[in-house]
C-alpha cells in the first residue's frame, strides 16, 4: 500500500458524465463508473494508485462511488476547475501533486512508479507523460490514438501528470485553452505562437525534424512561466483511455491478455 502520509498526493479527475448510451446500458451517471472486467473504471485506477509506494492520499473529484480515496469532492465544472478543486482539497496549493484521469483502467502501479522515477531525473514544474507510436502499437495493436510527429519520433499524450499546483493556479485560463487543444496539434500551436505554428505544420506534413521536444517544452514554459518536461514512457496503459462504448471490449480483452501472462 502507498504511504498515505509521505507520498505524493494524487488527484483523480472523475467529473465526466456518462453518455446516454452508457447510461442506458449500464445504469451509471458518471463515466468513471463504467464497468470494466467486473470492476468500475475508477476503481481500477484507484487500485493502481493505492499499490504505488510513491503515492500518498488520493482525492477524487466527481460524484462517484469508489473505495480507497482519502476524500471525494463534487465536480467543480471544467477540467481546470476540477484540477484547482483537487489540489485545494488535498492542501497542495503550491506543492507537487499527481494528476490522473479516471478513464485509464489498465493503469498499473509499475507504470506509475516508472513515471514518477523518470520525473525525478530532472527538475521541472510540470511533467507530462508521452507514449511513442511504436510503444502503443506493440502494447495495443489496433488502438486508435491521436499522434504528433516530432523530431524524436511520433508520440501521443498520456493521462498522468506530475505538477506544481501553482502552475494551475496562475494559468487557469490559458491551460483551459491548451488542454482543449491538446489533441489538435495545429490548434495548440496557434495558441502558443506563429513560430511554433510554422514548425508544427512542417513537422506534421513534410519534416518531423522541424519540431523538437525541447523546443516545445521551452516555448510553452515561457508562456506559463514554468519548467515543463515531456516524459516518454514505455507503459502505454498510461494513455489507453476508455471514453467510448467500443473501448470497453477492447480494454477487457487487453486486460485479459495481461492477466494470462
C-alpha atoms as a PDB file:
ATOM      1  CA  UNK A   1       0.000   0.000   0.000  1.00  0.00           C
ATOM      2  CA  UNK A   2       1.077   3.579  -0.599  1.00  0.00           C
ATOM      3  CA  UNK A   3       2.426   5.674   2.267  1.00  0.00           C
ATOM      4  CA  UNK A   4      -0.566   7.983   2.745  1.00  0.00           C
ATOM      5  CA  UNK A   5       1.430  10.332   4.971  1.00  0.00           C
ATOM      6  CA  UNK A   6       4.636  10.831   2.997  1.00  0.00           C
ATOM      7  CA  UNK A   7       3.727  10.020  -0.579  1.00  0.00           C
ATOM      8  CA  UNK A   8       2.832  12.399  -3.382  1.00  0.00           C
ATOM      9  CA  UNK A   9      -0.846  13.348  -3.136  1.00  0.00           C
ATOM     10  CA  UNK A  10      -2.901  12.212  -6.112  1.00  0.00           C
ATOM     11  CA  UNK A  11      -5.914  13.888  -7.670  1.00  0.00           C
ATOM     12  CA  UNK A  12      -8.169  11.661  -9.788  1.00  0.00           C
ATOM     13  CA  UNK A  13     -10.366  13.550 -12.230  1.00  0.00           C
ATOM     14  CA  UNK A  14     -13.761  11.852 -12.471  1.00  0.00           C
ATOM     15  CA  UNK A  15     -16.183  14.608 -13.381  1.00  0.00           C
ATOM     16  CA  UNK A  16     -17.275  13.439 -16.836  1.00  0.00           C
ATOM     17  CA  UNK A  17     -20.897  12.330 -17.110  1.00  0.00           C
ATOM     18  CA  UNK A  18     -21.795   9.082 -18.844  1.00  0.00           C
ATOM     19  CA  UNK A  19     -23.030   9.409 -22.403  1.00  0.00           C
ATOM     20  CA  UNK A  20     -26.685   8.421 -22.975  1.00  0.00           C
ATOM     21  CA  UNK A  21     -25.747   5.025 -24.438  1.00  0.00           C
ATOM     22  CA  UNK A  22     -23.516   4.208 -21.446  1.00  0.00           C
ATOM     23  CA  UNK A  23     -26.175   5.391 -19.012  1.00  0.00           C
ATOM     24  CA  UNK A  24     -28.864   3.303 -20.674  1.00  0.00           C
ATOM     25  CA  UNK A  25     -26.801   0.113 -20.877  1.00  0.00           C
ATOM     26  CA  UNK A  26     -25.040   0.200 -17.505  1.00  0.00           C
ATOM     27  CA  UNK A  27     -27.291   2.390 -15.371  1.00  0.00           C
ATOM     28  CA  UNK A  28     -24.491   4.775 -14.444  1.00  0.00           C
ATOM     29  CA  UNK A  29     -24.440   8.559 -14.156  1.00  0.00           C
ATOM     30  CA  UNK A  30     -20.688   9.082 -14.282  1.00  0.00           C
ATOM     31  CA  UNK A  31     -18.355   7.714 -16.973  1.00  0.00           C
ATOM     32  CA  UNK A  32     -15.784   6.772 -14.312  1.00  0.00           C
ATOM     33  CA  UNK A  33     -18.211   4.130 -13.036  1.00  0.00           C
ATOM     34  CA  UNK A  34     -18.184   2.261 -16.348  1.00  0.00           C
ATOM     35  CA  UNK A  35     -17.729  -1.452 -15.513  1.00  0.00           C
ATOM     36  CA  UNK A  36     -14.542  -2.974 -16.887  1.00  0.00           C
ATOM     37  CA  UNK A  37     -13.925  -6.638 -16.113  1.00  0.00           C
ATOM     38  CA  UNK A  38     -16.327  -6.662 -13.172  1.00  0.00           C
ATOM     39  CA  UNK A  39     -14.968  -3.514 -11.552  1.00  0.00           C
ATOM     40  CA  UNK A  40     -15.645   0.167 -12.122  1.00  0.00           C
ATOM     41  CA  UNK A  41     -13.129   2.004 -14.284  1.00  0.00           C
ATOM     42  CA  UNK A  42     -12.203   4.412 -11.492  1.00  0.00           C
ATOM     43  CA  UNK A  43     -11.649   1.561  -9.040  1.00  0.00           C
ATOM     44  CA  UNK A  44      -9.038   0.085 -11.366  1.00  0.00           C
ATOM     45  CA  UNK A  45      -7.260   3.463 -11.310  1.00  0.00           C
ATOM     46  CA  UNK A  46      -7.502   3.796  -7.522  1.00  0.00           C
ATOM     47  CA  UNK A  47      -6.179   0.262  -7.011  1.00  0.00           C
ATOM     48  CA  UNK A  48      -3.095   1.138  -9.072  1.00  0.00           C
ATOM     49  CA  UNK A  49      -2.557   4.319  -7.061  1.00  0.00           C
ATOM     50  CA  UNK A  50      -3.041   2.530  -3.736  1.00  0.00           C
ATOM     51  CA  UNK A  51      -0.456  -0.088  -4.734  1.00  0.00           C
ATOM     52  CA  UNK A  52       2.154   2.560  -5.622  1.00  0.00           C
ATOM     53  CA  UNK A  53       4.666   3.243  -2.815  1.00  0.00           C
ATOM     54  CA  UNK A  54       5.342   6.795  -4.044  1.00  0.00           C
ATOM     55  CA  UNK A  55       1.693   7.864  -3.927  1.00  0.00           C
ATOM     56  CA  UNK A  56       0.044   9.326  -0.848  1.00  0.00           C
ATOM     57  CA  UNK A  57      -3.533  10.351  -0.130  1.00  0.00           C
ATOM     58  CA  UNK A  58      -5.984  10.272  -3.021  1.00  0.00           C
ATOM     59  CA  UNK A  59      -8.560  12.954  -3.764  1.00  0.00           C
ATOM     60  CA  UNK A  60     -11.312  12.065  -6.238  1.00  0.00           C
ATOM     61  CA  UNK A  61     -13.078  14.929  -7.986  1.00  0.00           C
ATOM     62  CA  UNK A  62     -16.503  13.777  -9.154  1.00  0.00           C
ATOM     63  CA  UNK A  63     -19.711  12.238  -7.864  1.00  0.00           C
ATOM     64  CA  UNK A  64     -18.639   8.595  -7.954  1.00  0.00           C
ATOM     65  CA  UNK A  65     -18.645   5.503  -5.759  1.00  0.00           C
ATOM     66  CA  UNK A  66     -15.188   4.053  -5.109  1.00  0.00           C
ATOM     67  CA  UNK A  67     -13.001   2.654  -2.345  1.00  0.00           C
ATOM     68  CA  UNK A  68      -9.605   3.812  -1.115  1.00  0.00           C
ATOM     69  CA  UNK A  69      -9.886   7.560  -1.653  1.00  0.00           C
ATOM     70  CA  UNK A  70      -8.986   9.870   1.218  1.00  0.00           C
ATOM     71  CA  UNK A  71     -11.739  12.203   0.079  1.00  0.00           C
ATOM     72  CA  UNK A  72     -14.336  12.527  -2.681  1.00  0.00           C
ATOM     73  CA  UNK A  73     -15.440  16.026  -3.654  1.00  0.00           C
ATOM     74  CA  UNK A  74     -18.061  17.200  -6.174  1.00  0.00           C
ATOM     75  CA  UNK A  75     -17.078  18.144  -9.691  1.00  0.00           C
ATOM     76  CA  UNK A  76     -16.326  21.850  -9.987  1.00  0.00           C
ATOM     77  CA  UNK A  77     -17.165  22.019 -13.693  1.00  0.00           C
ATOM     78  CA  UNK A  78     -14.376  22.240 -16.263  1.00  0.00           C
ATOM     79  CA  UNK A  79     -11.194  20.194 -16.290  1.00  0.00           C
ATOM     80  CA  UNK A  80      -9.110  23.075 -14.947  1.00  0.00           C
ATOM     81  CA  UNK A  81     -11.741  23.894 -12.313  1.00  0.00           C
ATOM     82  CA  UNK A  82     -11.551  20.275 -11.174  1.00  0.00           C
ATOM     83  CA  UNK A  83      -7.748  20.417 -11.078  1.00  0.00           C
ATOM     84  CA  UNK A  84      -7.946  23.513  -8.888  1.00  0.00           C
ATOM     85  CA  UNK A  85     -10.557  21.951  -6.628  1.00  0.00           C
ATOM     86  CA  UNK A  86      -8.471  18.808  -6.285  1.00  0.00           C
ATOM     87  CA  UNK A  87      -5.216  20.499  -5.286  1.00  0.00           C
ATOM     88  CA  UNK A  88      -7.086  22.773  -2.885  1.00  0.00           C
ATOM     89  CA  UNK A  89      -8.862  19.836  -1.279  1.00  0.00           C
ATOM     90  CA  UNK A  90      -5.645  17.905  -0.681  1.00  0.00           C
ATOM     91  CA  UNK A  91      -3.898  21.001   0.680  1.00  0.00           C
ATOM     92  CA  UNK A  92      -1.243  21.155  -2.016  1.00  0.00           C
ATOM     93  CA  UNK A  93      -1.593  24.677  -3.367  1.00  0.00           C
ATOM     94  CA  UNK A  94       1.992  25.494  -4.299  1.00  0.00           C
ATOM     95  CA  UNK A  95       3.207  21.894  -3.906  1.00  0.00           C
ATOM     96  CA  UNK A  96       3.649  18.885  -6.184  1.00  0.00           C
ATOM     97  CA  UNK A  97       0.693  16.639  -6.916  1.00  0.00           C
ATOM     98  CA  UNK A  98      -0.012  13.726  -9.257  1.00  0.00           C
ATOM     99  CA  UNK A  99      -2.924  14.240 -11.639  1.00  0.00           C
ATOM    100  CA  UNK A 100      -4.599  11.141 -13.098  1.00  0.00           C
ATOM    101  CA  UNK A 101      -7.755  10.797 -15.174  1.00  0.00           C
ATOM    102  CA  UNK A 102     -10.305   8.173 -14.171  1.00  0.00           C
ATOM    103  CA  UNK A 103     -10.593   6.621 -17.637  1.00  0.00           C
ATOM    104  CA  UNK A 104      -7.369   4.594 -17.834  1.00  0.00           C
ATOM    105  CA  UNK A 105      -8.410   1.271 -16.246  1.00  0.00           C
ATOM    106  CA  UNK A 106      -5.318  -0.572 -17.459  1.00  0.00           C
ATOM    107  CA  UNK A 107      -3.066   1.682 -15.365  1.00  0.00           C
ATOM    108  CA  UNK A 108      -0.647  -0.233 -13.132  1.00  0.00           C
ATOM    109  CA  UNK A 109       1.413   0.663 -10.093  1.00  0.00           C
ATOM    110  CA  UNK A 110       4.519  -0.270 -12.099  1.00  0.00           C
ATOM    111  CA  UNK A 111       3.623   2.312 -14.741  1.00  0.00           C
ATOM    112  CA  UNK A 112       3.076   4.972 -12.079  1.00  0.00           C
ATOM    113  CA  UNK A 113       6.319   4.212 -10.274  1.00  0.00           C
ATOM    114  CA  UNK A 114       8.249   4.280 -13.538  1.00  0.00           C
ATOM    115  CA  UNK A 115       6.748   7.660 -14.481  1.00  0.00           C
ATOM    116  CA  UNK A 116       7.438   9.183 -11.065  1.00  0.00           C
ATOM    117  CA  UNK A 117      11.019   7.875 -11.109  1.00  0.00           C
ATOM    118  CA  UNK A 118      11.628   9.391 -14.552  1.00  0.00           C
ATOM    119  CA  UNK A 119      10.241  12.723 -13.329  1.00  0.00           C
ATOM    120  CA  UNK A 120      12.819  12.653 -10.559  1.00  0.00           C
ATOM    121  CA  UNK A 121      15.661  12.622 -13.093  1.00  0.00           C
ATOM    122  CA  UNK A 122      15.174  16.307 -13.973  1.00  0.00           C
ATOM    123  CA  UNK A 123      13.881  19.420 -12.212  1.00  0.00           C
ATOM    124  CA  UNK A 124      10.618  20.834 -13.573  1.00  0.00           C
ATOM    125  CA  UNK A 125       7.290  22.266 -12.503  1.00  0.00           C
ATOM    126  CA  UNK A 126       5.136  20.247 -14.880  1.00  0.00           C
ATOM    127  CA  UNK A 127       5.821  16.686 -16.084  1.00  0.00           C
ATOM    128  CA  UNK A 128       3.630  15.191 -18.811  1.00  0.00           C
ATOM    129  CA  UNK A 129       3.707  11.553 -19.917  1.00  0.00           C
ATOM    130  CA  UNK A 130       4.074  10.822 -23.634  1.00  0.00           C
ATOM    131  CA  UNK A 131       3.993   7.458 -25.442  1.00  0.00           C
ATOM    132  CA  UNK A 132       5.633   6.664 -28.772  1.00  0.00           C
ATOM    133  CA  UNK A 133       3.507   5.204 -31.570  1.00  0.00           C
ATOM    134  CA  UNK A 134       5.795   2.169 -31.687  1.00  0.00           C
ATOM    135  CA  UNK A 135       5.232   1.508 -27.978  1.00  0.00           C
ATOM    136  CA  UNK A 136       1.486   1.910 -28.277  1.00  0.00           C
ATOM    137  CA  UNK A 137       1.220  -0.264 -31.396  1.00  0.00           C
ATOM    138  CA  UNK A 138       3.124  -3.110 -29.741  1.00  0.00           C
ATOM    139  CA  UNK A 139       1.120  -2.988 -26.492  1.00  0.00           C
ATOM    140  CA  UNK A 140      -2.276  -2.226 -28.006  1.00  0.00           C
ATOM    141  CA  UNK A 141      -2.361  -3.161 -31.706  1.00  0.00           C
ATOM    142  CA  UNK A 142      -5.333  -1.606 -33.431  1.00  0.00           C
ATOM    143  CA  UNK A 143      -5.959   1.099 -30.842  1.00  0.00           C
ATOM    144  CA  UNK A 144      -6.727   4.454 -32.416  1.00  0.00           C
ATOM    145  CA  UNK A 145      -4.823   7.402 -30.952  1.00  0.00           C
ATOM    146  CA  UNK A 146      -4.102  10.995 -31.930  1.00  0.00           C
ATOM    147  CA  UNK A 147      -0.386  11.383 -32.622  1.00  0.00           C
ATOM    148  CA  UNK A 148       2.026  14.277 -33.036  1.00  0.00           C
ATOM    149  CA  UNK A 149       5.130  13.965 -35.212  1.00  0.00           C
ATOM    150  CA  UNK A 150       8.296  15.269 -33.585  1.00  0.00           C
ATOM    151  CA  UNK A 151      11.996  15.169 -34.360  1.00  0.00           C
ATOM    152  CA  UNK A 152      12.442  12.410 -31.785  1.00  0.00           C
ATOM    153  CA  UNK A 153       9.549  10.290 -33.063  1.00  0.00           C
ATOM    154  CA  UNK A 154       5.754  10.126 -33.233  1.00  0.00           C
ATOM    155  CA  UNK A 155       4.025  10.454 -29.862  1.00  0.00           C
ATOM    156  CA  UNK A 156       0.632  10.508 -28.200  1.00  0.00           C
ATOM    157  CA  UNK A 157      -0.123  12.112 -24.851  1.00  0.00           C
ATOM    158  CA  UNK A 158      -0.656  10.245 -21.612  1.00  0.00           C
ATOM    159  CA  UNK A 159      -3.270  10.775 -18.911  1.00  0.00           C
ATOM    160  CA  UNK A 160      -0.881  11.201 -15.989  1.00  0.00           C
ATOM    161  CA  UNK A 161       0.865  14.416 -14.962  1.00  0.00           C
ATOM    162  CA  UNK A 162       3.037  15.456 -12.057  1.00  0.00           C
ATOM    163  CA  UNK A 163       2.903  19.179 -11.433  1.00  0.00           C
ATOM    164  CA  UNK A 164       3.403  22.067  -9.065  1.00  0.00           C
ATOM    165  CA  UNK A 165      -0.118  23.296  -8.421  1.00  0.00           C
ATOM    166  CA  UNK A 166       0.927  26.941  -8.747  1.00  0.00           C
ATOM    167  CA  UNK A 167       1.140  26.353 -12.495  1.00  0.00           C
ATOM    168  CA  UNK A 168      -2.596  25.577 -12.473  1.00  0.00           C
ATOM    169  CA  UNK A 169      -3.494  28.409 -10.115  1.00  0.00           C
ATOM    170  CA  UNK A 170      -1.586  31.075 -12.050  1.00  0.00           C
ATOM    171  CA  UNK A 171      -2.522  29.914 -15.559  1.00  0.00           C
ATOM    172  CA  UNK A 172      -6.055  28.540 -15.249  1.00  0.00           C
ATOM    173  CA  UNK A 173      -7.442  30.366 -18.282  1.00  0.00           C
ATOM    174  CA  UNK A 174      -4.525  29.603 -20.557  1.00  0.00           C
ATOM    175  CA  UNK A 175      -4.367  25.961 -19.507  1.00  0.00           C
ATOM    176  CA  UNK A 176      -8.072  25.609 -20.257  1.00  0.00           C
ATOM    177  CA  UNK A 177      -7.337  26.585 -23.855  1.00  0.00           C
ATOM    178  CA  UNK A 178      -4.226  24.395 -24.055  1.00  0.00           C
ATOM    179  CA  UNK A 179      -5.988  21.319 -22.672  1.00  0.00           C
ATOM    180  CA  UNK A 180      -8.890  21.770 -25.066  1.00  0.00           C
ATOM    181  CA  UNK A 181      -6.403  21.759 -27.935  1.00  0.00           C
ATOM    182  CA  UNK A 182      -4.074  19.038 -26.654  1.00  0.00           C
ATOM    183  CA  UNK A 183      -5.218  16.507 -29.281  1.00  0.00           C
ATOM    184  CA  UNK A 184      -5.216  19.095 -32.052  1.00  0.00           C
ATOM    185  CA  UNK A 185      -1.546  19.921 -32.759  1.00  0.00           C
ATOM    186  CA  UNK A 186      -2.226  22.802 -35.110  1.00  0.00           C
ATOM    187  CA  UNK A 187      -4.784  24.461 -32.855  1.00  0.00           C
ATOM    188  CA  UNK A 188      -2.384  24.063 -29.959  1.00  0.00           C
ATOM    189  CA  UNK A 189       0.357  25.680 -31.992  1.00  0.00           C
ATOM    190  CA  UNK A 190      -1.924  28.583 -32.851  1.00  0.00           C
ATOM    191  CA  UNK A 191      -2.362  29.366 -29.165  1.00  0.00           C
ATOM    192  CA  UNK A 192       1.345  29.193 -28.480  1.00  0.00           C
ATOM    193  CA  UNK A 193       2.586  31.381 -31.351  1.00  0.00           C
ATOM    194  CA  UNK A 194       3.444  31.696 -35.060  1.00  0.00           C
ATOM    195  CA  UNK A 195       6.998  30.341 -34.808  1.00  0.00           C
ATOM    196  CA  UNK A 196       5.728  27.243 -33.095  1.00  0.00           C
ATOM    197  CA  UNK A 197       2.853  27.038 -35.575  1.00  0.00           C
ATOM    198  CA  UNK A 198       5.207  27.006 -38.567  1.00  0.00           C
ATOM    199  CA  UNK A 199       7.412  24.344 -37.026  1.00  0.00           C
ATOM    200  CA  UNK A 200       4.398  22.240 -36.082  1.00  0.00           C
ATOM    201  CA  UNK A 201       2.931  22.415 -39.585  1.00  0.00           C
ATOM    202  CA  UNK A 202       6.241  21.381 -41.114  1.00  0.00           C
ATOM    203  CA  UNK A 203       6.616  18.554 -38.610  1.00  0.00           C
ATOM    204  CA  UNK A 204       3.144  17.149 -39.275  1.00  0.00           C
ATOM    205  CA  UNK A 205       3.437  17.384 -43.057  1.00  0.00           C
ATOM    206  CA  UNK A 206       6.907  17.162 -44.577  1.00  0.00           C
ATOM    207  CA  UNK A 207       9.678  17.368 -41.994  1.00  0.00           C
ATOM    208  CA  UNK A 208       9.212  15.940 -38.455  1.00  0.00           C
ATOM    209  CA  UNK A 209      12.662  17.285 -37.546  1.00  0.00           C
ATOM    210  CA  UNK A 210      11.264  20.826 -37.560  1.00  0.00           C
ATOM    211  CA  UNK A 211       9.817  20.380 -34.084  1.00  0.00           C
ATOM    212  CA  UNK A 212      11.899  19.080 -31.197  1.00  0.00           C
ATOM    213  CA  UNK A 213      10.520  18.148 -27.797  1.00  0.00           C
ATOM    214  CA  UNK A 214      12.900  20.590 -26.107  1.00  0.00           C
ATOM    215  CA  UNK A 215      11.645  23.463 -28.284  1.00  0.00           C
ATOM    216  CA  UNK A 216       8.040  22.661 -27.374  1.00  0.00           C
ATOM    217  CA  UNK A 217       8.934  22.474 -23.680  1.00  0.00           C
ATOM    218  CA  UNK A 218      10.735  25.804 -23.752  1.00  0.00           C
ATOM    219  CA  UNK A 219       8.045  27.569 -25.783  1.00  0.00           C
ATOM    220  CA  UNK A 220       5.138  26.532 -23.564  1.00  0.00           C
ATOM    221  CA  UNK A 221       7.282  27.005 -20.477  1.00  0.00           C
ATOM    222  CA  UNK A 222       7.892  30.652 -21.327  1.00  0.00           C
ATOM    223  CA  UNK A 223       4.177  31.250 -21.707  1.00  0.00           C
ATOM    224  CA  UNK A 224       3.185  29.705 -18.369  1.00  0.00           C
ATOM    225  CA  UNK A 225       6.358  30.808 -16.547  1.00  0.00           C
ATOM    226  CA  UNK A 226       7.244  27.273 -15.537  1.00  0.00           C
ATOM    227  CA  UNK A 227       9.675  24.496 -16.375  1.00  0.00           C
ATOM    228  CA  UNK A 228       7.952  21.838 -18.466  1.00  0.00           C
ATOM    229  CA  UNK A 229       9.183  18.337 -19.173  1.00  0.00           C
ATOM    230  CA  UNK A 230       7.734  15.709 -21.506  1.00  0.00           C
ATOM    231  CA  UNK A 231       8.418  12.260 -20.049  1.00  0.00           C
ATOM    232  CA  UNK A 232       8.495   9.350 -22.538  1.00  0.00           C
ATOM    233  CA  UNK A 233       7.151   6.156 -21.019  1.00  0.00           C
ATOM    234  CA  UNK A 234       7.158   2.580 -22.264  1.00  0.00           C
ATOM    235  CA  UNK A 235       3.936   1.893 -20.339  1.00  0.00           C
ATOM    236  CA  UNK A 236       1.276   2.507 -22.976  1.00  0.00           C
ATOM    237  CA  UNK A 237      -1.528   1.931 -20.460  1.00  0.00           C
ATOM    238  CA  UNK A 238      -0.868   5.457 -19.154  1.00  0.00           C
ATOM    239  CA  UNK A 239      -2.541   6.760 -22.318  1.00  0.00           C
ATOM    240  CA  UNK A 240      -5.083   3.995 -23.004  1.00  0.00           C
ATOM    241  CA  UNK A 241      -8.255   5.870 -22.121  1.00  0.00           C
ATOM    242  CA  UNK A 242     -11.733   4.373 -22.346  1.00  0.00           C
ATOM    243  CA  UNK A 243     -14.190   7.057 -23.384  1.00  0.00           C
ATOM    244  CA  UNK A 244     -16.422   5.237 -25.887  1.00  0.00           C
ATOM    245  CA  UNK A 245     -18.609   2.144 -25.700  1.00  0.00           C
ATOM    246  CA  UNK A 246     -16.455   0.277 -28.201  1.00  0.00           C
ATOM    247  CA  UNK A 247     -13.409   0.807 -25.986  1.00  0.00           C
ATOM    248  CA  UNK A 248     -14.864  -1.355 -23.198  1.00  0.00           C
ATOM    249  CA  UNK A 249     -14.469  -4.665 -25.017  1.00  0.00           C
ATOM    250  CA  UNK A 250     -11.011  -3.640 -26.208  1.00  0.00           C
ATOM    251  CA  UNK A 251      -9.915  -2.835 -22.645  1.00  0.00           C
ATOM    252  CA  UNK A 252     -11.324  -6.052 -21.220  1.00  0.00           C
ATOM    253  CA  UNK A 253      -9.560  -8.096 -23.879  1.00  0.00           C
ATOM    254  CA  UNK A 254      -6.266  -6.306 -23.263  1.00  0.00           C
ATOM    255  CA  UNK A 255      -6.556  -6.768 -19.515  1.00  0.00           C
ATOM    256  CA  UNK A 256      -7.401 -10.411 -20.023  1.00  0.00           C
ATOM    257  CA  UNK A 257      -4.249 -10.847 -22.107  1.00  0.00           C
ATOM    258  CA  UNK A 258      -2.250  -9.206 -19.334  1.00  0.00           C
ATOM    259  CA  UNK A 259      -3.729 -11.493 -16.674  1.00  0.00           C
ATOM    260  CA  UNK A 260      -2.940 -14.567 -18.738  1.00  0.00           C
ATOM    261  CA  UNK A 261       0.759 -13.727 -18.996  1.00  0.00           C
END
